[in-house]
Amino acid sequence: MSHLRIPANWTIQRSTPFFTPSNVPAALLSHHNTAEGVFGQLCVMEGTVTYFGFADENATEPEIKVTINAGQFATSPPQYWHRIELSEDAQFNINFWSERDKKDQPLFTTKK
């Protein structure tokens, strides 16, 4: 994960609703990645979200672990495998950033 800064000319293509432990999509809790040319920006409003980054699709041990607290955000670069864990009081959403319009394209991939 060498490029964590979203390029200045990129824009938000899509934002998710707010998620909590009761409605978070299962895909986010298991290995998945952002699509080619797409940054994910995970924004935590309440509680804590822990981000685990993996070297590749098959890695079982994370190479990085980032704790994102309320009022903070973290970015996930394009095509980087990761998953998250939530505190019981977590509330967060994800903004998907891209250089060009991807409104009709998938913005992430789950493990096969």
Protein backbone atom coordinates (compact mmCIF):
# COMPACT_ATOMS: atom_id res chain seq x y z
CA MET A 1 0.00 0.00 0.00
CA SER A 2 2.31 2.70 -1.19
CA HIS A 3 -0.24 5.13 -2.65
CA LEU A 4 -2.78 5.98 0.03
CA ARG A 5 -3.54 9.52 -1.14
CA ILE A 6 -6.48 9.87 -3.49
CA PRO A 7 -5.33 11.81 -6.59
CA ALA A 8 -6.47 15.44 -6.50
CA ASN A 9 -8.37 15.26 -9.80
CA TRP A 10 -10.49 12.24 -8.76
CA THR A 11 -14.10 12.65 -7.63
CA ILE A 12 -16.58 10.66 -5.58
CA GLN A 13 -18.52 8.35 -7.90
CA ARG A 14 -20.77 6.74 -5.30
CA SER A 15 -21.35 6.78 -1.55
CA THR A 16 -22.87 3.99 0.47
CA PRO A 17 -25.58 4.45 3.09
CA PHE A 18 -24.41 4.39 6.70
CA PHE A 19 -23.66 0.90 7.92
CA THR A 20 -23.77 -0.52 11.46
CA PRO A 21 -23.11 -4.07 12.72
CA SER A 22 -26.79 -4.88 12.10
CA ASN A 23 -26.83 -3.95 8.39
CA VAL A 24 -23.22 -4.13 7.16
CA PRO A 25 -22.95 -6.17 3.93
CA ALA A 26 -21.27 -9.53 4.58
CA ALA A 27 -18.86 -8.88 1.68
CA LEU A 28 -17.19 -6.09 3.66
CA LEU A 29 -16.41 -8.46 6.54
CA SER A 30 -14.56 -10.92 4.31
CA HIS A 31 -11.80 -10.62 1.68
CA HIS A 32 -12.73 -8.12 -1.03
CA ASN A 33 -10.98 -5.41 -3.00
CA THR A 34 -11.75 -2.15 -4.72
CA ALA A 35 -11.99 -2.25 -8.49
CA GLU A 36 -9.26 -1.13 -10.87
CA GLY A 37 -9.01 2.66 -10.82
CA VAL A 38 -11.16 3.01 -7.69
CA PHE A 39 -10.17 4.21 -4.21
CA GLY A 40 -12.37 3.37 -1.24
CA GLN A 41 -12.61 5.98 1.53
CA LEU A 42 -13.98 4.50 4.74
CA CYS A 43 -15.41 7.23 7.00
CA VAL A 44 -16.24 6.35 10.60
CA MET A 45 -18.95 8.41 12.34
CA GLU A 46 -19.31 6.40 15.57
CA GLY A 47 -17.35 3.62 17.26
CA THR A 48 -14.38 1.95 15.62
CA VAL A 49 -13.74 0.12 12.35
CA THR A 50 -10.62 -2.03 12.04
CA TYR A 51 -9.22 -2.41 8.51
CA PHE A 52 -7.09 -5.44 7.64
CA GLY A 53 -5.06 -5.33 4.40
CA PHE A 54 -3.75 -8.45 2.65
CA ALA A 55 -0.89 -9.04 0.22
CA ASP A 56 -3.19 -10.90 -2.19
CA GLU A 57 -6.53 -12.70 -2.55
CA ASN A 58 -5.27 -15.87 -0.84
CA ALA A 59 -3.38 -14.34 2.11
CA THR A 60 -4.81 -15.31 5.49
CA GLU A 61 -2.60 -13.11 7.68
CA PRO A 62 -2.96 -9.34 7.24
CA GLU A 63 0.08 -7.31 6.26
CA ILE A 64 -1.43 -4.19 7.78
CA LYS A 65 -4.00 -3.39 10.46
CA VAL A 66 -5.47 0.10 10.82
CA THR A 67 -7.88 1.19 13.55
CA ILE A 68 -10.20 3.95 12.35
CA ASN A 69 -11.94 5.83 15.15
CA ALA A 70 -15.02 8.08 15.10
CA GLY A 71 -14.29 11.24 13.11
CA GLN A 72 -11.48 9.61 11.12
CA PHE A 73 -11.22 8.02 7.71
CA ALA A 74 -8.84 5.71 5.87
CA THR A 75 -8.34 4.98 2.20
CA SER A 76 -8.03 1.67 0.40
CA PRO A 77 -6.16 1.80 -2.90
CA PRO A 78 -7.41 0.20 -6.12
CA GLN A 79 -7.36 -3.59 -6.27
CA TYR A 80 -6.04 -4.02 -2.71
CA TRP A 81 -7.49 -7.00 -0.81
CA HIS A 82 -8.91 -6.17 2.60
CA ARG A 83 -11.68 -6.77 5.12
CA ILE A 84 -13.06 -4.91 8.12
CA GLU A 85 -14.26 -5.58 11.66
CA LEU A 86 -16.67 -3.32 13.55
CA SER A 87 -17.11 -2.33 17.16
CA GLU A 88 -20.65 -2.87 18.52
CA ASP A 89 -21.39 0.86 18.22
CA ALA A 90 -19.75 1.40 14.83
CA GLN A 91 -21.41 3.55 12.18
CA PHE A 92 -19.60 4.24 8.90
CA ASN A 93 -19.97 4.73 5.19
CA ILE A 94 -17.73 4.35 2.16
CA ASN A 95 -17.07 6.85 -0.62
CA PHE A 96 -15.79 5.43 -3.90
CA TRP A 97 -13.42 7.76 -5.77
CA SER A 98 -12.34 7.47 -9.39
CA GLU A 99 -10.73 9.54 -12.10
CA ARG A 100 -13.60 8.95 -14.50
CA ASP A 101 -17.27 8.06 -14.36
CA LYS A 102 -17.85 4.51 -13.11
CA LYS A 103 -21.47 4.88 -12.11
CA ASP A 104 -22.54 1.78 -14.06
CA GLN A 105 -19.55 -0.40 -13.12
CA PRO A 106 -18.85 -2.52 -10.04
CA LEU A 107 -16.66 -0.68 -7.55
CA PHE A 108 -15.39 -3.71 -5.65
CA THR A 109 -14.79 -7.47 -6.03
CA THR A 110 -15.33 -10.26 -3.52
CA LYS A 111 -13.19 -13.32 -3.11
CA LYS A 112 -14.20 -16.18 -5.42
